[in-house]
Every structure is written in structure tokens, then in C-alpha cells.
Amino acid sequence: MCDLVHLERRGIPAVGVATAPFADEAIEQARRLGMPACRMAYIPHPVQLLRNDELAGRADAVFPAVLAALTQPAGQRAGRG
């Protein structure tokens, strides 16, 4: 999350990706870092036991939300997946 905030402060659009159950924690961490409106996208949980093809599928599925978040002003959150 720190890297995302640092990039945004430098004017480089960035999107954090988290699993849906950790959305509140990601938003709170961004708030504590002074960027409550950071761009976020969410994927289904869990991810740690996925095969490579399953993880690639999650990445493909969230890509439209990441792209949308990068092309919108900060503060407009991407949907939860």
C-alpha cells in the first residue's frame, strides 16, 4: 500500500489489488497513509493455493476494473470482484 500511495503522490496513477475480505483493511491503511481515495480493485479470496492458471484467470478477470480505475480520477473506486 505504501508504494501505491508514493506513486500516486508523484502523479503516477496506481491501483491496489486486494482480496475482497481485506477491502476494509486496505481502505483503512490507505486512509492512515493520507490517501483515503486511492484506487483499489478486489478479487475473490483466497489466492494462496491457486494454480498458476487459476491465478491468471483472477488477474484477467480484474484487469477491466484496474484499467477503469487507472483512467478515472482518484476517489472513484473500482468494483469488488
PDB file of N, CA and C in Angstrom:
ATOM      1  N   MET A   1       0.824  -1.190   0.000  1.00  0.00           N
ATOM      2  CA  MET A   1       0.000   0.000   0.000  1.00  0.00           C
ATOM      3  C   MET A   1       0.867   1.252   0.000  1.00  0.00           C
ATOM      4  N   CYS A   2       1.988   1.221   0.710  1.00  0.00           N
ATOM      5  CA  CYS A   2       2.871   2.387   0.739  1.00  0.00           C
ATOM      6  C   CYS A   2       3.348   2.745  -0.652  1.00  0.00           C
ATOM      7  N   ASP A   3       3.708   1.739  -1.460  1.00  0.00           N
ATOM      8  CA  ASP A   3       4.176   2.009  -2.819  1.00  0.00           C
ATOM      9  C   ASP A   3       3.081   2.664  -3.645  1.00  0.00           C
ATOM     10  N   LEU A   4       1.862   2.194  -3.504  1.00  0.00           N
ATOM     11  CA  LEU A   4       0.738   2.771  -4.232  1.00  0.00           C
ATOM     12  C   LEU A   4       0.591   4.242  -3.874  1.00  0.00           C
ATOM     13  N   VAL A   5       0.633   4.563  -2.606  1.00  0.00           N
ATOM     14  CA  VAL A   5       0.491   5.946  -2.151  1.00  0.00           C
ATOM     15  C   VAL A   5       1.651   6.791  -2.662  1.00  0.00           C
ATOM     16  N   HIS A   6       2.870   6.278  -2.615  1.00  0.00           N
ATOM     17  CA  HIS A   6       4.033   7.030  -3.096  1.00  0.00           C
ATOM     18  C   HIS A   6       3.918   7.310  -4.590  1.00  0.00           C
ATOM     19  N   LEU A   7       3.475   6.325  -5.369  1.00  0.00           N
ATOM     20  CA  LEU A   7       3.294   6.544  -6.808  1.00  0.00           C
ATOM     21  C   LEU A   7       2.244   7.611  -7.070  1.00  0.00           C
ATOM     22  N   GLU A   8       1.116   7.500  -6.405  1.00  0.00           N
ATOM     23  CA  GLU A   8       0.037   8.475  -6.588  1.00  0.00           C
ATOM     24  C   GLU A   8       0.501   9.879  -6.227  1.00  0.00           C
ATOM     25  N   ARG A   9       1.259  10.020  -5.165  1.00  0.00           N
ATOM     26  CA  ARG A   9       1.748  11.344  -4.757  1.00  0.00           C
ATOM     27  C   ARG A   9       2.712  11.928  -5.775  1.00  0.00           C
ATOM     28  N   ARG A  10       3.338  11.082  -6.561  1.00  0.00           N
ATOM     29  CA  ARG A  10       4.245  11.540  -7.620  1.00  0.00           C
ATOM     30  C   ARG A  10       3.499  11.775  -8.938  1.00  0.00           C
ATOM     31  N   GLY A  11       2.184  11.594  -8.910  1.00  0.00           N
ATOM     32  CA  GLY A  11       1.380  11.814 -10.104  1.00  0.00           C
ATOM     33  C   GLY A  11       1.305  10.618 -11.024  1.00  0.00           C
ATOM     34  N   ILE A  12       1.739   9.458 -10.537  1.00  0.00           N
ATOM     35  CA  ILE A  12       1.686   8.235 -11.342  1.00  0.00           C
ATOM     36  C   ILE A  12       0.474   7.425 -10.885  1.00  0.00           C
ATOM     37  N   PRO A  13      -0.529   7.282 -11.738  1.00  0.00           N
ATOM     38  CA  PRO A  13      -1.715   6.523 -11.334  1.00  0.00           C
ATOM     39  C   PRO A  13      -1.345   5.091 -10.951  1.00  0.00           C
ATOM     40  N   ALA A  14      -1.926   4.609  -9.876  1.00  0.00           N
ATOM     41  CA  ALA A  14      -1.660   3.258  -9.384  1.00  0.00           C
ATOM     42  C   ALA A  14      -2.958   2.670  -8.840  1.00  0.00           C
ATOM     43  N   VAL A  15      -3.043   1.359  -8.887  1.00  0.00           N
ATOM     44  CA  VAL A  15      -4.215   0.648  -8.378  1.00  0.00           C
ATOM     45  C   VAL A  15      -3.741  -0.461  -7.459  1.00  0.00           C
ATOM     46  N   GLY A  16      -4.274  -0.502  -6.260  1.00  0.00           N
ATOM     47  CA  GLY A  16      -4.016  -1.611  -5.360  1.00  0.00           C
ATOM     48  C   GLY A  16      -4.977  -2.739  -5.669  1.00  0.00           C
ATOM     49  N   VAL A  17      -4.506  -3.960  -5.559  1.00  0.00           N
ATOM     50  CA  VAL A  17      -5.374  -5.129  -5.761  1.00  0.00           C
ATOM     51  C   VAL A  17      -5.330  -5.935  -4.475  1.00  0.00           C
ATOM     52  N   ALA A  18      -6.502  -6.203  -3.926  1.00  0.00           N
ATOM     53  CA  ALA A  18      -6.608  -6.962  -2.677  1.00  0.00           C
ATOM     54  C   ALA A  18      -7.741  -7.968  -2.827  1.00  0.00           C
ATOM     55  N   THR A  19      -7.712  -8.989  -1.988  1.00  0.00           N
ATOM     56  CA  THR A  19      -8.851  -9.906  -1.992  1.00  0.00           C
ATOM     57  C   THR A  19      -9.995  -9.246  -1.239  1.00  0.00           C
ATOM     58  N   ALA A  20     -11.195  -9.551  -1.669  1.00  0.00           N
ATOM     59  CA  ALA A  20     -12.393  -8.888  -1.165  1.00  0.00           C
ATOM     60  C   ALA A  20     -12.507  -8.854   0.366  1.00  0.00           C
ATOM     61  N   PRO A  21     -12.184  -9.934   1.089  1.00  0.00           N
ATOM     62  CA  PRO A  21     -12.327  -9.870   2.546  1.00  0.00           C
ATOM     63  C   PRO A  21     -11.415  -8.840   3.213  1.00  0.00           C
ATOM     64  N   PHE A  22     -10.390  -8.385   2.502  1.00  0.00           N
ATOM     65  CA  PHE A  22      -9.455  -7.422   3.078  1.00  0.00           C
ATOM     66  C   PHE A  22      -9.689  -6.001   2.570  1.00  0.00           C
ATOM     67  N   ALA A  23     -10.823  -5.772   1.933  1.00  0.00           N
ATOM     68  CA  ALA A  23     -11.125  -4.446   1.402  1.00  0.00           C
ATOM     69  C   ALA A  23     -11.121  -3.386   2.493  1.00  0.00           C
ATOM     70  N   ASP A  24     -11.786  -3.642   3.601  1.00  0.00           N
ATOM     71  CA  ASP A  24     -11.841  -2.645   4.676  1.00  0.00           C
ATOM     72  C   ASP A  24     -10.458  -2.327   5.216  1.00  0.00           C
ATOM     73  N   GLU A  25      -9.616  -3.345   5.354  1.00  0.00           N
ATOM     74  CA  GLU A  25      -8.260  -3.128   5.851  1.00  0.00           C
ATOM     75  C   GLU A  25      -7.435  -2.314   4.858  1.00  0.00           C
ATOM     76  N   ALA A  26      -7.585  -2.594   3.568  1.00  0.00           N
ATOM     77  CA  ALA A  26      -6.846  -1.842   2.549  1.00  0.00           C
ATOM     78  C   ALA A  26      -7.260  -0.378   2.563  1.00  0.00           C
ATOM     79  N   ILE A  27      -8.549  -0.136   2.645  1.00  0.00           N
ATOM     80  CA  ILE A  27      -9.053   1.237   2.679  1.00  0.00           C
ATOM     81  C   ILE A  27      -8.570   1.955   3.939  1.00  0.00           C
ATOM     82  N   GLU A  28      -8.593   1.278   5.060  1.00  0.00           N
ATOM     83  CA  GLU A  28      -8.131   1.891   6.311  1.00  0.00           C
ATOM     84  C   GLU A  28      -6.636   2.192   6.252  1.00  0.00           C
ATOM     85  N   GLN A  29      -5.850   1.296   5.698  1.00  0.00           N
ATOM     86  CA  GLN A  29      -4.419   1.550   5.595  1.00  0.00           C
ATOM     87  C   GLN A  29      -4.165   2.747   4.685  1.00  0.00           C
ATOM     88  N   ALA A  30      -4.868   2.836   3.585  1.00  0.00           N
ATOM     89  CA  ALA A  30      -4.720   3.983   2.690  1.00  0.00           C
ATOM     90  C   ALA A  30      -5.111   5.272   3.416  1.00  0.00           C
ATOM     91  N   ARG A  31      -6.169   5.229   4.186  1.00  0.00           N
ATOM     92  CA  ARG A  31      -6.595   6.403   4.947  1.00  0.00           C
ATOM     93  C   ARG A  31      -5.502   6.837   5.915  1.00  0.00           C
ATOM     94  N   ARG A  32      -4.922   5.867   6.612  1.00  0.00           N
ATOM     95  CA  ARG A  32      -3.855   6.189   7.573  1.00  0.00           C
ATOM     96  C   ARG A  32      -2.608   6.729   6.893  1.00  0.00           C
ATOM     97  N   LEU A  33      -2.410   6.363   5.636  1.00  0.00           N
ATOM     98  CA  LEU A  33      -1.278   6.879   4.876  1.00  0.00           C
ATOM     99  C   LEU A  33      -1.605   8.211   4.201  1.00  0.00           C
ATOM    100  N   GLY A  34      -2.794   8.727   4.466  1.00  0.00           N
ATOM    101  CA  GLY A  34      -3.181  10.031   3.939  1.00  0.00           C
ATOM    102  C   GLY A  34      -3.773  10.010   2.551  1.00  0.00           C
ATOM    103  N   MET A  35      -4.226   8.861   2.081  1.00  0.00           N
ATOM    104  CA  MET A  35      -4.810   8.775   0.757  1.00  0.00           C
ATOM    105  C   MET A  35      -6.058   7.886   0.789  1.00  0.00           C
ATOM    106  N   PRO A  36      -7.113   8.366   1.447  1.00  0.00           N
ATOM    107  CA  PRO A  36      -8.312   7.530   1.594  1.00  0.00           C
ATOM    108  C   PRO A  36      -9.025   7.234   0.280  1.00  0.00           C
ATOM    109  N   ALA A  37      -8.766   8.017  -0.748  1.00  0.00           N
ATOM    110  CA  ALA A  37      -9.450   7.826  -2.022  1.00  0.00           C
ATOM    111  C   ALA A  37      -8.581   7.106  -3.041  1.00  0.00           C
ATOM    112  N   CYS A  38      -7.629   6.301  -2.569  1.00  0.00           N
ATOM    113  CA  CYS A  38      -6.758   5.613  -3.521  1.00  0.00           C
ATOM    114  C   CYS A  38      -7.567   4.630  -4.365  1.00  0.00           C
ATOM    115  N   ARG A  39      -7.024   4.315  -5.500  1.00  0.00           N
ATOM    116  CA  ARG A  39      -7.691   3.396  -6.428  1.00  0.00           C
ATOM    117  C   ARG A  39      -7.459   1.959  -5.963  1.00  0.00           C
ATOM    118  N   MET A  40      -8.530   1.186  -5.893  1.00  0.00           N
ATOM    119  CA  MET A  40      -8.445  -0.209  -5.467  1.00  0.00           C
ATOM    120  C   MET A  40      -9.314  -1.074  -6.367  1.00  0.00           C
ATOM    121  N   ALA A  41      -8.908  -2.305  -6.536  1.00  0.00           N
ATOM    122  CA  ALA A  41      -9.706  -3.328  -7.215  1.00  0.00           C
ATOM    123  C   ALA A  41      -9.632  -4.578  -6.335  1.00  0.00           C
ATOM    124  N   TYR A  42     -10.678  -5.363  -6.368  1.00  0.00           N
ATOM    125  CA  TYR A  42     -10.765  -6.511  -5.463  1.00  0.00           C
ATOM    126  C   TYR A  42     -11.015  -7.794  -6.241  1.00  0.00           C
ATOM    127  N   ILE A  43     -10.375  -8.846  -5.767  1.00  0.00           N
ATOM    128  CA  ILE A  43     -10.540 -10.165  -6.363  1.00  0.00           C
ATOM    129  C   ILE A  43     -11.058 -11.122  -5.292  1.00  0.00           C
ATOM    130  N   PRO A  44     -11.645 -12.242  -5.713  1.00  0.00           N
ATOM    131  CA  PRO A  44     -12.143 -13.209  -4.734  1.00  0.00           C
ATOM    132  C   PRO A  44     -11.003 -13.801  -3.899  1.00  0.00           C
ATOM    133  N   HIS A  45     -11.347 -14.179  -2.717  1.00  0.00           N
ATOM    134  CA  HIS A  45     -10.420 -14.793  -1.759  1.00  0.00           C
ATOM    135  C   HIS A  45     -10.729 -16.289  -1.704  1.00  0.00           C
ATOM    136  N   PRO A  46      -9.777 -17.133  -1.479  1.00  0.00           N
ATOM    137  CA  PRO A  46      -8.345 -16.938  -1.257  1.00  0.00           C
ATOM    138  C   PRO A  46      -7.582 -17.025  -2.567  1.00  0.00           C
ATOM    139  N   VAL A  47      -6.291 -16.671  -2.523  1.00  0.00           N
ATOM    140  CA  VAL A  47      -5.447 -16.787  -3.705  1.00  0.00           C
ATOM    141  C   VAL A  47      -4.219 -17.657  -3.456  1.00  0.00           C
ATOM    142  N   GLN A  48      -3.858 -17.865  -2.216  1.00  0.00           N
ATOM    143  CA  GLN A  48      -2.574 -18.525  -1.913  1.00  0.00           C
ATOM    144  C   GLN A  48      -2.476 -19.961  -2.403  1.00  0.00           C
ATOM    145  N   LEU A  49      -3.563 -20.660  -2.578  1.00  0.00           N
ATOM    146  CA  LEU A  49      -3.495 -22.056  -3.002  1.00  0.00           C
ATOM    147  C   LEU A  49      -3.894 -22.269  -4.465  1.00  0.00           C
ATOM    148  N   LEU A  50      -4.050 -21.176  -5.208  1.00  0.00           N
ATOM    149  CA  LEU A  50      -4.457 -21.300  -6.601  1.00  0.00           C
ATOM    150  C   LEU A  50      -3.320 -21.806  -7.474  1.00  0.00           C
ATOM    151  N   ARG A  51      -3.696 -22.575  -8.497  1.00  0.00           N
ATOM    152  CA  ARG A  51      -2.723 -22.960  -9.516  1.00  0.00           C
ATOM    153  C   ARG A  51      -2.432 -21.730 -10.379  1.00  0.00           C
ATOM    154  N   ASN A  52      -1.353 -21.784 -11.136  1.00  0.00           N
ATOM    155  CA  ASN A  52      -0.975 -20.639 -11.973  1.00  0.00           C
ATOM    156  C   ASN A  52      -2.088 -20.225 -12.926  1.00  0.00           C
ATOM    157  N   ASP A  53      -2.753 -21.201 -13.541  1.00  0.00           N
ATOM    158  CA  ASP A  53      -3.821 -20.866 -14.481  1.00  0.00           C
ATOM    159  C   ASP A  53      -5.016 -20.227 -13.777  1.00  0.00           C
ATOM    160  N   GLU A  54      -5.305 -20.660 -12.557  1.00  0.00           N
ATOM    161  CA  GLU A  54      -6.400 -20.059 -11.794  1.00  0.00           C
ATOM    162  C   GLU A  54      -6.055 -18.621 -11.383  1.00  0.00           C
ATOM    163  N   LEU A  55      -4.821 -18.407 -10.977  1.00  0.00           N
ATOM    164  CA  LEU A  55      -4.385 -17.063 -10.604  1.00  0.00           C
ATOM    165  C   LEU A  55      -4.401 -16.147 -11.826  1.00  0.00           C
ATOM    166  N   ALA A  56      -3.969 -16.670 -12.969  1.00  0.00           N
ATOM    167  CA  ALA A  56      -4.016 -15.880 -14.205  1.00  0.00           C
ATOM    168  C   ALA A  56      -5.465 -15.522 -14.550  1.00  0.00           C
ATOM    169  N   GLY A  57      -6.378 -16.430 -14.298  1.00  0.00           N
ATOM    170  CA  GLY A  57      -7.791 -16.150 -14.530  1.00  0.00           C
ATOM    171  C   GLY A  57      -8.305 -15.025 -13.655  1.00  0.00           C
ATOM    172  N   ARG A  58      -7.865 -15.005 -12.391  1.00  0.00           N
ATOM    173  CA  ARG A  58      -8.253 -13.902 -11.488  1.00  0.00           C
ATOM    174  C   ARG A  58      -7.689 -12.580 -11.999  1.00  0.00           C
ATOM    175  N   ALA A  59      -6.437 -12.610 -12.462  1.00  0.00           N
ATOM    176  CA  ALA A  59      -5.818 -11.391 -12.988  1.00  0.00           C
ATOM    177  C   ALA A  59      -6.566 -10.904 -14.234  1.00  0.00           C
ATOM    178  N   ASP A  60      -6.908 -11.831 -15.114  1.00  0.00           N
ATOM    179  CA  ASP A  60      -7.660 -11.460 -16.314  1.00  0.00           C
ATOM    180  C   ASP A  60      -9.019 -10.868 -15.947  1.00  0.00           C
ATOM    181  N   ALA A  61      -9.660 -11.457 -14.952  1.00  0.00           N
ATOM    182  CA  ALA A  61     -10.992 -11.001 -14.555  1.00  0.00           C
ATOM    183  C   ALA A  61     -10.970  -9.600 -13.941  1.00  0.00           C
ATOM    184  N   VAL A  62      -9.910  -9.263 -13.214  1.00  0.00           N
ATOM    185  CA  VAL A  62      -9.846  -7.958 -12.551  1.00  0.00           C
ATOM    186  C   VAL A  62      -9.262  -6.878 -13.460  1.00  0.00           C
ATOM    187  N   PHE A  63      -8.645  -7.284 -14.578  1.00  0.00           N
ATOM    188  CA  PHE A  63      -7.999  -6.312 -15.462  1.00  0.00           C
ATOM    189  C   PHE A  63      -8.918  -5.170 -15.891  1.00  0.00           C
ATOM    190  N   PRO A  64     -10.173  -5.421 -16.297  1.00  0.00           N
ATOM    191  CA  PRO A  64     -11.043  -4.293 -16.670  1.00  0.00           C
ATOM    192  C   PRO A  64     -11.247  -3.293 -15.523  1.00  0.00           C
ATOM    193  N   ALA A  65     -11.350  -3.782 -14.300  1.00  0.00           N
ATOM    194  CA  ALA A  65     -11.508  -2.879 -13.151  1.00  0.00           C
ATOM    195  C   ALA A  65     -10.243  -2.066 -12.918  1.00  0.00           C
ATOM    196  N   VAL A  66      -9.079  -2.701 -13.086  1.00  0.00           N
ATOM    197  CA  VAL A  66      -7.806  -1.986 -12.925  1.00  0.00           C
ATOM    198  C   VAL A  66      -7.684  -0.916 -14.005  1.00  0.00           C
ATOM    199  N   LEU A  67      -7.972  -1.268 -15.239  1.00  0.00           N
ATOM    200  CA  LEU A  67      -7.901  -0.318 -16.337  1.00  0.00           C
ATOM    201  C   LEU A  67      -8.871   0.849 -16.108  1.00  0.00           C
ATOM    202  N   ALA A  68     -10.088   0.529 -15.697  1.00  0.00           N
ATOM    203  CA  ALA A  68     -11.062   1.585 -15.422  1.00  0.00           C
ATOM    204  C   ALA A  68     -10.575   2.506 -14.302  1.00  0.00           C
ATOM    205  N   ALA A  69     -10.019   1.922 -13.251  1.00  0.00           N
ATOM    206  CA  ALA A  69      -9.528   2.729 -12.129  1.00  0.00           C
ATOM    207  C   ALA A  69      -8.384   3.634 -12.562  1.00  0.00           C
ATOM    208  N   LEU A  70      -7.527   3.145 -13.440  1.00  0.00           N
ATOM    209  CA  LEU A  70      -6.394   3.951 -13.905  1.00  0.00           C
ATOM    210  C   LEU A  70      -6.822   5.102 -14.811  1.00  0.00           C
ATOM    211  N   THR A  71      -7.991   4.989 -15.407  1.00  0.00           N
ATOM    212  CA  THR A  71      -8.447   6.015 -16.333  1.00  0.00           C
ATOM    213  C   THR A  71      -9.515   6.913 -15.726  1.00  0.00           C
ATOM    214  N   GLN A  72      -9.794   6.752 -14.440  1.00  0.00           N
ATOM    215  CA  GLN A  72     -10.733   7.607 -13.717  1.00  0.00           C
ATOM    216  C   GLN A  72      -9.960   8.426 -12.692  1.00  0.00           C
ATOM    217  N   PRO A  73     -10.502   9.562 -12.306  1.00  0.00           N
ATOM    218  CA  PRO A  73      -9.855  10.317 -11.235  1.00  0.00           C
ATOM    219  C   PRO A  73      -9.813   9.502  -9.952  1.00  0.00           C
ATOM    220  N   ALA A  74      -8.761   9.695  -9.166  1.00  0.00           N
ATOM    221  CA  ALA A  74      -8.677   9.017  -7.868  1.00  0.00           C
ATOM    222  C   ALA A  74      -9.913   9.376  -7.071  1.00  0.00           C
ATOM    223  N   GLY A  75     -10.390   8.422  -6.315  1.00  0.00           N
ATOM    224  CA  GLY A  75     -11.583   8.648  -5.499  1.00  0.00           C
ATOM    225  C   GLY A  75     -12.765   7.863  -6.007  1.00  0.00           C
ATOM    226  N   GLN A  76     -12.720   7.401  -7.237  1.00  0.00           N
ATOM    227  CA  GLN A  76     -13.778   6.572  -7.783  1.00  0.00           C
ATOM    228  C   GLN A  76     -13.293   5.140  -7.745  1.00  0.00           C
ATOM    229  N   ARG A  77     -13.767   4.384  -6.766  1.00  0.00           N
ATOM    230  CA  ARG A  77     -13.276   3.032  -6.531  1.00  0.00           C
ATOM    231  C   ARG A  77     -13.788   2.055  -7.581  1.00  0.00           C
ATOM    232  N   ALA A  78     -12.919   1.142  -7.965  1.00  0.00           N
ATOM    233  CA  ALA A  78     -13.312   0.045  -8.849  1.00  0.00           C
ATOM    234  C   ALA A  78     -14.160  -0.933  -8.057  1.00  0.00           C
ATOM    235  N   GLY A  79     -14.971  -1.696  -8.747  1.00  0.00           N
ATOM    236  CA  GLY A  79     -15.870  -2.637  -8.089  1.00  0.00           C
ATOM    237  C   GLY A  79     -15.162  -3.779  -7.405  1.00  0.00           C
ATOM    238  N   ARG A  80     -15.824  -4.354  -6.447  1.00  0.00           N
ATOM    239  CA  ARG A  80     -15.310  -5.533  -5.765  1.00  0.00           C
ATOM    240  C   ARG A  80     -15.600  -6.748  -6.623  1.00  0.00           C
ATOM    241  N   GLY A  81     -14.619  -7.662  -6.692  1.00  0.00           N
ATOM    242  CA  GLY A  81     -14.784  -8.848  -7.534  1.00  0.00           C
ATOM    243  C   GLY A  81     -15.160 -10.053  -6.774  1.00  0.00           C
TER     244      GLY A  81
END
